[in-house]
Amino acid sequence: MFAQSNGVATISSGKLQGKQCERNPGVWAFLGIPYAEAPVGAYRWRAPRPVTPWDGVRDATRYAPDCPQVTLPKGSFYQVEFYPNEKVMDEAQGLALNVWTPAKPGEQLPVYVWIHGGGFREGSGGALQFIGDALAAKGIVVVTINYRLGALGFMAHPELTREQGGASGNYAFMDQAAALEWVRDNIAAFGGNPDQVTIDGQSAGSMSVMAMLSAGRTRGLFRGAICQSGSAFGRVGAAGVGTSLREAEENGLRLQKALGCSSLEEMRRCTPQQIMEATDEYGIPFRPILDGRIIEEPYAERFAAGRQNVVNVLMGCTCDEDCLHETRPDDYENYLKNAESYGDQAEEYRSAFPAANNEEAGRVVSFERSARTFAGMRAAAEYQMKHGANAYLYSFTQTLPNADGTTVGPFHSAELVYQFGTLYTGWRPWREQDYQTSEAMMTYWANFVKTGDPNGEGMPAWDKHEMGDERCMLLSAQPHMGDVPRKEQAAFIQRTF
């Protein structure tokens, strides 16, 4: 246990100097803790390695640099919303995590591990919205992690496959598993209970939680899981992964050609910036891979058979995921193509999502994403239920205020500053109802981390999901159980999986 008097913690690799949080003085923060050695040089595109111990006391009062990643266009919605500060990146220091703890001597508190989103291309455990002291003040230890992104996190390549015993890629998921193993081995030093860990992620982070649920390597490393706006299940690509190993290897060869390299060794000498620029210029996708090692089999097969980590889950999404969509000239054309992709169910699709012109098709884009996402989350939850776990479903329905007095719907990622209690990091003119929503979300999340059940004293009851139930918790300033938003559309989509 770290000494509250001086904020020094001793972990397997050495001593750390933390800092007391200004907003929540009962919480101590330990930032930028390396959980793996630098994946550079010959170790790029390899599994993470244990940290080399250090002498003396290491400063843990500042975040580590982010893993190399794309930079959002300046002035774009999400850049303004979540990333107002310029990103600092370093391949050699990116594999780090952060801990916030309110533990007193002798305590072993439940642990919450956050896996950020960002399309597997960008993001950080040190982003402003993920400052963890407010959530930790609810009586849990909060951990946020970085992991490798883009080509550095997911590239497969024939040479790598030969080098690594028949599989390559998914290094980001290896990083996440290594971070969970670090938590198991070290979190007691911060007053955390390694046997009482819950993992959570949003968007690509939620897809990552699905990977951790699926992976045999992570068995026993957590006892609960929260997934937000990102499922492994859907009508297209029911495996829940981006591509096969062979296809992923072909993308690795495309990147090699784009870089002008003759071998993997030469690729390892390229800078991260060169790799990101080549990836973008040639449009080469790097995403989760059905590699047979981390993602051992299609999720649908694995979850149906009960070979995943069966734990209690809390799952859902916002009720207007794509409300920021602006109508495009080809929306109606794409709508018709999408309908045709349903084959014999095309007419049923058009009935569930009616559109007769481009403007109406643009609106369909918005609410179809919410229905599709919720359906995927519910399908994943019901797989857990079939094997004995409890599931709790939600839809985030709180609108957000604009500076001009208008409001915007609960867009994809809107809930993040609420669940972490970090409204103060944003530019919006928050109202009392926003703070009430944030308090409710933090309380529900902390309760789930503590007990595997979001319910607790003084909170509106959150019913366990039952098969066929079309209700969920509607999260707002007055949270309550109610009908799933777009329930008919969500039900149709789930039937097509």
Protein backbone atom coordinates (compact mmCIF):
# COMPACT_ATOMS: atom_id res chain seq x y z
CA MET A 1 0.00 0.00 0.00
CA PHE A 2 1.32 3.46 -0.87
CA ALA A 3 1.98 5.89 1.95
CA GLN A 4 -0.73 8.58 1.96
CA SER A 5 1.67 10.85 3.84
CA ASN A 6 4.15 11.16 0.99
CA GLY A 7 2.43 9.57 -2.01
CA VAL A 8 5.12 6.96 -2.71
CA ALA A 9 4.04 3.55 -4.03
CA THR A 10 6.25 0.51 -4.53
CA ILE A 11 5.44 -1.79 -7.46
CA SER A 12 7.30 -4.70 -9.07
CA SER A 13 9.52 -2.43 -11.17
CA GLY A 14 10.35 0.19 -8.55
CA LYS A 15 9.09 3.15 -6.51
CA LEU A 16 6.69 5.82 -7.80
CA GLN A 17 6.02 9.34 -6.59
CA GLY A 18 2.37 10.29 -7.07
CA LYS A 19 0.46 13.49 -6.39
CA GLN A 20 -2.62 14.49 -4.44
CA CYS A 21 -5.53 15.61 -6.64
CA GLU A 22 -6.64 19.21 -6.25
CA ARG A 23 -10.33 18.67 -6.98
CA ASN A 24 -10.55 15.55 -4.83
CA PRO A 25 -7.82 15.75 -2.16
CA GLY A 26 -8.70 12.29 -0.86
CA VAL A 27 -7.52 10.81 -4.17
CA TRP A 28 -3.92 10.30 -5.25
CA ALA A 29 -2.87 10.14 -8.90
CA PHE A 30 0.02 8.10 -10.30
CA LEU A 31 0.48 8.99 -13.95
CA GLY A 32 2.57 7.76 -16.85
CA ILE A 33 3.49 4.39 -15.31
CA PRO A 34 5.14 2.12 -17.89
CA TYR A 35 3.55 -1.33 -18.00
CA ALA A 36 5.73 -2.65 -20.86
CA GLU A 37 9.10 -1.95 -22.41
CA ALA A 38 9.34 0.36 -25.40
CA PRO A 39 8.14 -1.47 -28.57
CA VAL A 40 10.80 0.12 -30.77
CA GLY A 41 13.51 -1.01 -33.17
CA ALA A 42 13.60 -4.78 -33.45
CA TYR A 43 10.72 -4.96 -30.94
CA ARG A 44 8.25 -3.03 -33.09
CA TRP A 45 5.39 -5.35 -34.07
CA ARG A 46 6.14 -7.78 -31.29
CA ALA A 47 4.35 -8.73 -28.10
CA PRO A 48 4.93 -6.33 -25.19
CA ARG A 49 7.81 -7.17 -22.85
CA PRO A 50 8.06 -6.70 -19.05
CA VAL A 51 9.37 -3.37 -17.79
CA THR A 52 13.02 -3.12 -16.79
CA PRO A 53 13.16 -2.13 -13.09
CA TRP A 54 14.50 1.31 -12.21
CA ASP A 55 16.49 2.64 -9.27
CA GLY A 56 15.31 5.40 -6.98
CA VAL A 57 11.86 6.96 -7.04
CA ARG A 58 10.29 7.54 -10.46
CA ASP A 59 8.20 10.68 -10.98
CA ALA A 60 4.57 9.68 -11.64
CA THR A 61 2.97 13.11 -11.57
CA ARG A 62 2.71 13.65 -15.35
CA TYR A 63 1.12 11.71 -18.18
CA ALA A 64 3.29 9.75 -20.58
CA PRO A 65 3.21 10.78 -24.25
CA ASP A 66 0.50 9.19 -26.38
CA CYS A 67 1.19 6.25 -28.63
CA PRO A 68 1.80 7.48 -32.22
CA GLN A 69 -1.52 8.22 -33.90
CA VAL A 70 -3.40 10.37 -36.35
CA THR A 71 -4.15 13.96 -35.36
CA LEU A 72 -7.74 15.11 -35.72
CA PRO A 73 -8.16 18.08 -38.10
CA LYS A 74 -7.97 21.34 -36.20
CA GLY A 75 -11.44 22.78 -35.75
CA SER A 76 -13.19 19.46 -36.40
CA PHE A 77 -16.00 18.56 -34.01
CA TYR A 78 -14.21 15.92 -31.93
CA GLN A 79 -10.95 17.86 -31.86
CA VAL A 80 -12.75 20.86 -30.36
CA GLU A 81 -14.89 18.68 -28.10
CA PHE A 82 -12.24 16.43 -26.59
CA TYR A 83 -8.71 17.29 -27.76
CA PRO A 84 -8.16 21.05 -27.47
CA ASN A 85 -4.49 20.55 -26.59
CA GLU A 86 -1.84 19.49 -29.07
CA LYS A 87 -0.98 15.81 -28.81
CA VAL A 88 2.48 14.75 -27.67
CA MET A 89 3.44 11.33 -29.05
CA ASP A 90 6.37 8.98 -28.51
CA GLU A 91 6.57 5.35 -29.60
CA ALA A 92 9.19 4.67 -26.94
CA GLN A 93 7.08 5.91 -24.00
CA GLY A 94 3.49 5.29 -25.06
CA LEU A 95 2.84 1.96 -23.32
CA ALA A 96 1.88 3.50 -20.01
CA LEU A 97 -1.10 3.66 -17.69
CA ASN A 98 -2.49 5.94 -14.99
CA VAL A 99 -3.90 5.15 -11.55
CA TRP A 100 -6.17 7.20 -9.28
CA THR A 101 -6.74 5.80 -5.80
CA PRO A 102 -8.73 6.94 -2.76
CA ALA A 103 -7.59 3.93 -0.72
CA LYS A 104 -6.63 4.30 2.92
CA PRO A 105 -4.14 2.00 4.67
CA GLY A 106 -5.46 -1.53 4.83
CA GLU A 107 -8.14 -1.07 2.18
CA GLN A 108 -8.51 -3.24 -0.91
CA LEU A 109 -10.89 -1.39 -3.18
CA PRO A 110 -12.56 -2.58 -6.40
CA VAL A 111 -10.70 -1.64 -9.58
CA TYR A 112 -12.00 -0.05 -12.78
CA VAL A 113 -9.83 -0.31 -15.93
CA TRP A 114 -10.69 2.03 -18.81
CA ILE A 115 -9.81 1.27 -22.46
CA HIS A 116 -10.18 4.37 -24.63
CA GLY A 117 -11.79 4.51 -28.07
CA GLY A 118 -10.77 6.35 -31.22
CA GLY A 119 -11.34 3.92 -34.08
CA PHE A 120 -8.10 2.06 -33.25
CA ARG A 121 -6.36 5.03 -34.86
CA GLU A 122 -6.18 7.67 -32.12
CA GLY A 123 -6.91 8.34 -28.45
CA SER A 124 -5.22 8.15 -25.08
CA GLY A 125 -5.79 7.09 -21.50
CA GLY A 126 -4.49 10.54 -20.60
CA ALA A 127 -7.15 12.49 -22.53
CA LEU A 128 -8.83 15.32 -20.60
CA GLN A 129 -12.20 13.60 -20.38
CA PHE A 130 -10.64 10.56 -18.68
CA ILE A 131 -9.17 12.31 -15.63
CA GLY A 132 -10.08 9.73 -13.01
CA ASP A 133 -10.20 11.44 -9.61
CA ALA A 134 -13.95 12.20 -9.52
CA LEU A 135 -14.87 8.61 -10.34
CA ALA A 136 -12.24 7.26 -7.94
CA ALA A 137 -13.76 9.39 -5.17
CA LYS A 138 -16.78 7.06 -5.41
CA GLY A 139 -14.66 4.43 -3.65
CA ILE A 140 -12.90 2.63 -6.49
CA VAL A 141 -9.40 2.56 -7.95
CA VAL A 142 -9.43 3.91 -11.52
CA VAL A 143 -6.90 2.85 -14.17
CA THR A 144 -6.66 4.23 -17.72
CA ILE A 145 -4.32 2.77 -20.32
CA ASN A 146 -2.57 3.55 -23.60
CA TYR A 147 -2.11 0.91 -26.30
CA ARG A 148 -0.58 0.80 -29.77
CA LEU A 149 -2.71 2.16 -32.59
CA GLY A 150 -3.08 1.98 -36.36
CA ALA A 151 -0.43 0.03 -38.25
CA LEU A 152 1.79 -0.08 -35.16
CA GLY A 153 -0.98 -1.81 -33.24
CA PHE A 154 -2.50 -4.10 -35.84
CA MET A 155 -0.20 -4.74 -38.80
CA ALA A 156 0.17 -8.35 -39.88
CA HIS A 157 2.85 -9.36 -42.38
CA PRO A 158 4.07 -12.71 -43.77
CA GLU A 159 7.53 -12.15 -42.25
CA LEU A 160 5.96 -11.38 -38.88
CA THR A 161 3.77 -14.46 -39.10
CA ARG A 162 6.84 -16.64 -39.73
CA GLU A 163 8.80 -14.85 -37.03
CA GLN A 164 6.03 -15.25 -34.46
CA GLY A 165 4.93 -18.83 -34.85
CA GLY A 166 2.09 -18.66 -37.34
CA ALA A 167 0.21 -15.47 -36.45
CA SER A 168 0.79 -11.73 -36.44
CA GLY A 169 -1.07 -8.49 -35.77
CA ASN A 170 -3.37 -7.52 -32.86
CA TYR A 171 -0.47 -6.04 -30.87
CA ALA A 172 -2.91 -3.50 -29.44
CA PHE A 173 -4.88 -6.32 -27.85
CA MET A 174 -1.66 -7.85 -26.52
CA ASP A 175 -0.92 -4.48 -24.92
CA GLN A 176 -4.34 -4.38 -23.29
CA ALA A 177 -3.91 -7.90 -21.94
CA ALA A 178 -0.45 -6.98 -20.63
CA ALA A 179 -1.94 -3.94 -18.88
CA LEU A 180 -4.52 -6.20 -17.20
CA GLU A 181 -1.73 -8.53 -16.10
CA TRP A 182 0.09 -5.48 -14.70
CA VAL A 183 -3.05 -4.61 -12.74
CA ARG A 184 -3.21 -8.15 -11.37
CA ASP A 185 0.41 -7.99 -10.24
CA ASN A 186 0.64 -4.40 -8.99
CA ILE A 187 -2.70 -2.82 -8.16
CA ALA A 188 -2.55 -3.93 -4.50
CA ALA A 189 0.27 -1.38 -4.11
CA PHE A 190 -2.37 1.32 -4.64
CA GLY A 191 -5.00 -0.21 -2.37
CA GLY A 192 -6.75 -2.05 -5.20
CA ASN A 193 -8.13 -5.58 -5.11
CA PRO A 194 -6.74 -7.62 -8.06
CA ASP A 195 -9.59 -10.10 -7.64
CA GLN A 196 -12.23 -7.40 -8.10
CA VAL A 197 -11.48 -5.82 -11.49
CA THR A 198 -14.03 -4.48 -13.99
CA ILE A 199 -13.02 -3.42 -17.50
CA ASP A 200 -14.80 -0.77 -19.56
CA GLY A 201 -14.39 0.79 -22.98
CA GLN A 202 -16.28 2.94 -25.46
CA SER A 203 -16.42 2.66 -29.26
CA ALA A 204 -13.14 0.98 -30.30
CA GLY A 205 -12.53 0.62 -26.56
CA SER A 206 -15.78 -1.32 -26.32
CA MET A 207 -14.64 -3.52 -29.20
CA SER A 208 -11.46 -4.00 -27.20
CA VAL A 209 -13.47 -5.11 -24.17
CA MET A 210 -15.17 -7.63 -26.47
CA ALA A 211 -11.71 -8.89 -27.44
CA MET A 212 -10.72 -9.18 -23.78
CA LEU A 213 -13.97 -11.07 -23.10
CA SER A 214 -13.12 -13.44 -25.95
CA ALA A 215 -9.40 -13.95 -25.31
CA GLY A 216 -8.30 -17.03 -23.42
CA ARG A 217 -5.21 -15.17 -22.19
CA THR A 218 -7.33 -12.78 -20.09
CA ARG A 219 -9.32 -15.45 -18.28
CA GLY A 220 -9.54 -14.60 -14.60
CA LEU A 221 -8.13 -11.08 -14.97
CA PHE A 222 -11.51 -9.35 -14.50
CA ARG A 223 -14.89 -10.21 -13.05
CA GLY A 224 -17.12 -7.64 -14.79
CA ALA A 225 -17.26 -5.76 -18.10
CA ILE A 226 -18.87 -2.56 -19.36
CA CYS A 227 -19.25 -1.92 -23.10
CA GLN A 228 -20.31 1.42 -24.55
CA SER A 229 -21.29 2.04 -28.18
CA GLY A 230 -19.29 -0.74 -29.79
CA SER A 231 -20.27 -4.40 -30.19
CA ALA A 232 -18.65 -7.45 -31.69
CA PHE A 233 -21.97 -8.42 -33.20
CA GLY A 234 -23.70 -7.05 -36.28
CA ARG A 235 -25.34 -8.08 -39.54
CA VAL A 236 -22.13 -7.59 -41.52
CA GLY A 237 -18.90 -9.13 -40.26
CA ALA A 238 -20.49 -11.18 -37.50
CA ALA A 239 -17.02 -12.37 -36.51
CA GLY A 240 -16.63 -8.96 -34.91
CA VAL A 241 -13.18 -8.55 -36.42
CA GLY A 242 -11.97 -6.49 -39.30
CA THR A 243 -10.28 -9.04 -41.50
CA SER A 244 -8.71 -12.48 -41.82
CA LEU A 245 -5.01 -13.04 -41.18
CA ARG A 246 -4.33 -13.53 -44.90
CA GLU A 247 -6.08 -10.27 -45.81
CA ALA A 248 -4.25 -8.49 -42.99
CA GLU A 249 -0.91 -9.80 -44.27
CA GLU A 250 -1.74 -8.40 -47.70
CA ASN A 251 -2.32 -4.99 -46.10
CA GLY A 252 1.06 -5.30 -44.41
CA LEU A 253 2.68 -5.94 -47.79
CA ARG A 254 0.82 -2.93 -49.21
CA LEU A 255 2.28 -0.78 -46.44
CA GLN A 256 5.76 -2.17 -47.12
CA LYS A 257 5.42 -1.17 -50.77
CA ALA A 258 4.04 2.27 -49.86
CA LEU A 259 7.06 2.85 -47.61
CA GLY A 260 9.47 1.77 -50.33
CA CYS A 261 10.95 -0.93 -48.11
CA SER A 262 12.37 -4.25 -49.25
CA SER A 263 11.93 -6.09 -45.94
CA LEU A 264 10.36 -6.05 -42.50
CA GLU A 265 13.73 -5.00 -41.09
CA GLU A 266 13.62 -1.85 -43.20
CA MET A 267 10.04 -1.16 -42.11
CA ARG A 268 11.17 -1.30 -38.49
CA ARG A 269 13.62 1.51 -39.25
CA CYS A 270 10.88 3.83 -40.54
CA THR A 271 9.60 6.55 -38.25
CA PRO A 272 6.04 6.36 -36.88
CA GLN A 273 5.24 9.50 -38.88
CA GLN A 274 6.34 7.84 -42.12
CA ILE A 275 4.14 4.83 -41.32
CA MET A 276 1.08 6.96 -40.50
CA GLU A 277 1.51 9.11 -43.61
CA ALA A 278 1.83 6.06 -45.88
CA THR A 279 -1.19 4.44 -44.23
CA ASP A 280 -3.32 7.52 -44.88
CA GLU A 281 -2.00 8.28 -48.37
CA TYR A 282 -2.74 4.78 -49.66
CA GLY A 283 -5.86 4.18 -47.55
CA ILE A 284 -4.58 0.98 -45.98
CA PRO A 285 -6.88 -0.27 -43.18
CA PHE A 286 -5.44 -1.65 -39.96
CA ARG A 287 -7.96 -3.12 -37.54
CA PRO A 288 -8.59 -6.22 -35.39
CA ILE A 289 -7.71 -9.51 -37.02
CA LEU A 290 -9.07 -13.03 -36.72
CA ASP A 291 -5.55 -14.25 -36.05
CA GLY A 292 -6.22 -17.54 -34.23
CA ARG A 293 -4.05 -16.41 -31.33
CA ILE A 294 -5.69 -13.43 -29.60
CA ILE A 295 -8.99 -13.60 -31.50
CA GLU A 296 -9.03 -17.36 -31.68
CA GLU A 297 -12.32 -17.83 -33.52
CA PRO A 298 -15.28 -15.73 -34.72
CA TYR A 299 -16.95 -14.07 -31.77
CA ALA A 300 -20.39 -15.43 -32.64
CA GLU A 301 -19.09 -19.02 -32.47
CA ARG A 302 -17.06 -18.42 -29.34
CA PHE A 303 -19.79 -16.61 -27.39
CA ALA A 304 -22.51 -19.05 -28.46
CA ALA A 305 -20.42 -21.94 -27.17
CA GLY A 306 -19.63 -20.19 -23.88
CA ARG A 307 -15.89 -20.16 -24.49
CA GLN A 308 -15.61 -16.45 -23.66
CA ASN A 309 -15.04 -14.95 -20.21
CA VAL A 310 -18.53 -15.16 -18.73
CA VAL A 311 -18.95 -12.19 -16.39
CA ASN A 312 -21.70 -9.74 -15.49
CA VAL A 313 -21.99 -6.98 -18.07
CA LEU A 314 -23.36 -3.47 -18.38
CA MET A 315 -23.91 -2.48 -22.02
CA GLY A 316 -25.52 0.21 -24.13
CA CYS A 317 -25.04 3.28 -26.30
CA THR A 318 -26.29 6.81 -26.83
CA CYS A 319 -29.81 7.22 -28.22
CA ASP A 320 -28.63 9.38 -31.14
CA GLU A 321 -25.20 8.04 -32.05
CA ASP A 322 -24.94 9.71 -35.44
CA CYS A 323 -26.92 12.90 -34.85
CA LEU A 324 -23.94 14.91 -36.13
CA HIS A 325 -24.38 13.45 -39.61
CA GLU A 326 -24.88 16.12 -42.24
CA THR A 327 -26.90 15.08 -45.28
CA ARG A 328 -24.68 14.20 -48.23
CA PRO A 329 -25.54 14.06 -51.95
CA ASP A 330 -25.24 10.26 -52.02
CA ASP A 331 -27.22 9.45 -48.85
CA TYR A 332 -30.29 8.19 -50.75
CA GLU A 333 -28.17 6.18 -53.17
CA ASN A 334 -26.36 4.57 -50.25
CA TYR A 335 -29.67 3.97 -48.50
CA LEU A 336 -30.97 1.99 -51.49
CA LYS A 337 -27.76 -0.04 -51.68
CA ASN A 338 -27.96 -0.76 -47.98
CA ALA A 339 -31.56 -1.94 -48.36
CA GLU A 340 -30.55 -4.25 -51.23
CA SER A 341 -27.85 -5.79 -49.04
CA TYR A 342 -30.60 -7.21 -46.84
CA GLY A 343 -31.74 -9.48 -49.68
CA ASP A 344 -35.12 -11.02 -48.87
CA GLN A 345 -35.45 -8.62 -45.95
CA ALA A 346 -34.94 -5.48 -48.05
CA GLU A 347 -38.61 -4.52 -47.95
CA GLU A 348 -38.71 -5.01 -44.19
CA TYR A 349 -35.65 -2.78 -43.90
CA ARG A 350 -37.29 -0.03 -45.96
CA SER A 351 -40.38 -0.30 -43.78
CA ALA A 352 -38.35 -0.03 -40.59
CA PHE A 353 -36.21 2.80 -41.97
CA PRO A 354 -38.43 4.66 -44.47
CA ALA A 355 -36.85 7.20 -46.82
CA ALA A 356 -38.01 8.56 -50.16
CA ASN A 357 -35.34 11.18 -50.85
CA ASN A 358 -31.87 12.33 -49.90
CA GLU A 359 -32.96 14.40 -46.92
CA GLU A 360 -34.96 11.56 -45.39
CA ALA A 361 -32.12 9.13 -46.08
CA GLY A 362 -29.77 11.47 -44.21
CA ARG A 363 -31.99 11.24 -41.16
CA VAL A 364 -32.01 7.45 -41.47
CA VAL A 365 -28.21 7.46 -41.23
CA SER A 366 -28.54 9.11 -37.85
CA PHE A 367 -31.05 6.88 -36.12
CA GLU A 368 -30.08 3.63 -37.87
CA ARG A 369 -26.65 3.78 -36.28
CA SER A 370 -28.20 4.04 -32.83
CA ALA A 371 -30.57 1.14 -33.49
CA ARG A 372 -27.79 -0.99 -34.98
CA THR A 373 -25.40 -0.24 -32.13
CA PHE A 374 -27.94 -0.97 -29.42
CA ALA A 375 -28.93 -4.21 -31.15
CA GLY A 376 -25.31 -5.31 -31.17
CA MET A 377 -24.84 -4.44 -27.51
CA ARG A 378 -28.00 -6.33 -26.55
CA ALA A 379 -26.94 -9.38 -28.58
CA ALA A 380 -23.58 -9.45 -26.77
CA ALA A 381 -25.30 -9.09 -23.39
CA GLU A 382 -27.69 -11.93 -24.16
CA TYR A 383 -24.82 -14.23 -25.04
CA GLN A 384 -23.41 -13.57 -21.57
CA MET A 385 -26.83 -14.22 -20.03
CA LYS A 386 -27.19 -17.58 -21.80
CA HIS A 387 -24.15 -18.79 -19.91
CA GLY A 388 -25.22 -17.58 -16.47
CA ALA A 389 -24.17 -13.92 -16.21
CA ASN A 390 -26.37 -10.95 -15.42
CA ALA A 391 -26.73 -8.08 -17.88
CA TYR A 392 -27.84 -4.47 -17.50
CA LEU A 393 -28.68 -2.38 -20.59
CA TYR A 394 -28.84 1.38 -21.04
CA SER A 395 -29.41 4.19 -23.51
CA PHE A 396 -27.83 7.57 -22.81
CA THR A 397 -30.56 10.13 -23.54
CA GLN A 398 -29.23 13.39 -22.05
CA THR A 399 -29.03 16.29 -24.53
CA LEU A 400 -26.03 18.62 -24.37
CA PRO A 401 -26.15 22.45 -24.30
CA ASN A 402 -24.66 24.62 -27.03
CA ALA A 403 -23.23 28.09 -26.44
CA ASP A 404 -26.12 29.70 -28.35
CA GLY A 405 -28.80 28.26 -26.08
CA THR A 406 -29.72 25.35 -28.37
CA THR A 407 -29.01 21.73 -27.60
CA VAL A 408 -27.43 18.82 -29.46
CA GLY A 409 -28.49 15.20 -29.19
CA PRO A 410 -26.48 12.52 -27.40
CA PHE A 411 -23.89 11.99 -30.12
CA HIS A 412 -21.34 9.17 -30.20
CA SER A 413 -19.01 9.69 -27.19
CA ALA A 414 -21.23 12.36 -25.58
CA GLU A 415 -21.49 10.38 -22.33
CA LEU A 416 -17.77 10.26 -21.56
CA VAL A 417 -17.45 13.54 -19.64
CA TYR A 418 -20.53 12.57 -17.64
CA GLN A 419 -19.33 9.16 -16.53
CA PHE A 420 -15.91 10.48 -15.51
CA GLY A 421 -17.25 13.64 -13.86
CA THR A 422 -15.10 15.79 -16.14
CA LEU A 423 -17.67 18.25 -17.46
CA TYR A 424 -15.28 21.02 -16.37
CA THR A 425 -12.82 20.04 -19.12
CA GLY A 426 -15.27 20.98 -21.89
CA TRP A 427 -16.41 24.29 -23.38
CA ARG A 428 -20.15 23.76 -23.08
CA PRO A 429 -22.31 25.90 -20.71
CA TRP A 430 -23.33 23.02 -18.48
CA ARG A 431 -26.66 23.09 -16.67
CA GLU A 432 -27.74 21.62 -13.36
CA GLN A 433 -29.31 18.71 -15.21
CA ASP A 434 -25.93 17.87 -16.74
CA TYR A 435 -24.31 17.66 -13.31
CA GLN A 436 -27.20 15.51 -12.10
CA THR A 437 -26.72 13.16 -15.03
CA SER A 438 -23.00 12.95 -14.34
CA GLU A 439 -23.57 12.17 -10.66
CA ALA A 440 -26.05 9.42 -11.55
CA MET A 441 -23.74 7.83 -14.12
CA MET A 442 -20.73 7.86 -11.83
CA THR A 443 -22.77 6.30 -9.03
CA TYR A 444 -24.18 3.55 -11.23
CA TRP A 445 -20.76 2.80 -12.75
CA ALA A 446 -19.07 2.69 -9.33
CA ASN A 447 -21.81 0.43 -7.95
CA PHE A 448 -21.32 -1.99 -10.82
CA VAL A 449 -17.56 -2.02 -10.26
CA LYS A 450 -18.10 -2.76 -6.57
CA THR A 451 -20.78 -5.45 -6.83
CA GLY A 452 -21.46 -6.42 -10.45
CA ASP A 453 -24.83 -4.66 -10.09
CA PRO A 454 -25.40 -0.92 -10.77
CA ASN A 455 -28.15 -0.66 -8.17
CA GLY A 456 -27.51 1.01 -4.85
CA GLU A 457 -29.08 3.00 -2.06
CA GLY A 458 -30.89 6.15 -3.19
CA MET A 459 -30.72 5.33 -6.92
CA PRO A 460 -33.68 4.59 -9.22
CA ALA A 461 -33.92 0.83 -9.73
CA TRP A 462 -32.08 -0.59 -12.75
CA ASP A 463 -33.69 -3.89 -13.71
CA LYS A 464 -31.66 -6.81 -14.94
CA HIS A 465 -32.20 -7.52 -18.61
CA GLU A 466 -34.47 -10.43 -19.42
CA MET A 467 -34.74 -12.15 -22.80
CA GLY A 468 -37.36 -10.39 -24.90
CA ASP A 469 -37.46 -7.29 -22.69
CA GLU A 470 -37.50 -4.13 -24.80
CA ARG A 471 -36.75 -1.80 -21.90
CA CYS A 472 -33.48 -0.46 -20.63
CA MET A 473 -32.19 2.22 -18.26
CA LEU A 474 -32.58 5.66 -19.84
CA LEU A 475 -29.66 7.67 -18.47
CA SER A 476 -30.37 11.35 -17.93
CA ALA A 477 -30.87 13.77 -15.03
CA GLN A 478 -33.84 11.59 -14.00
CA PRO A 479 -32.69 8.05 -14.85
CA HIS A 480 -35.46 5.50 -15.20
CA MET A 481 -36.37 2.25 -16.91
CA GLY A 482 -38.19 2.79 -20.21
CA ASP A 483 -38.62 1.55 -23.75
CA VAL A 484 -35.47 1.16 -25.83
CA PRO A 485 -35.25 4.16 -28.20
CA ARG A 486 -36.06 3.00 -31.75
CA LYS A 487 -37.02 -0.37 -30.31
CA GLU A 488 -38.73 -1.64 -33.49
CA GLN A 489 -35.68 -0.80 -35.60
CA ALA A 490 -33.30 -2.34 -33.06
CA ALA A 491 -35.39 -5.49 -32.94
CA PHE A 492 -35.38 -5.76 -36.75
CA ILE A 493 -31.62 -5.35 -36.94
CA GLN A 494 -30.99 -7.90 -34.21
CA ARG A 495 -33.12 -10.44 -36.11
CA THR A 496 -30.84 -10.03 -39.14
CA PHE A 497 -27.58 -10.81 -37.35
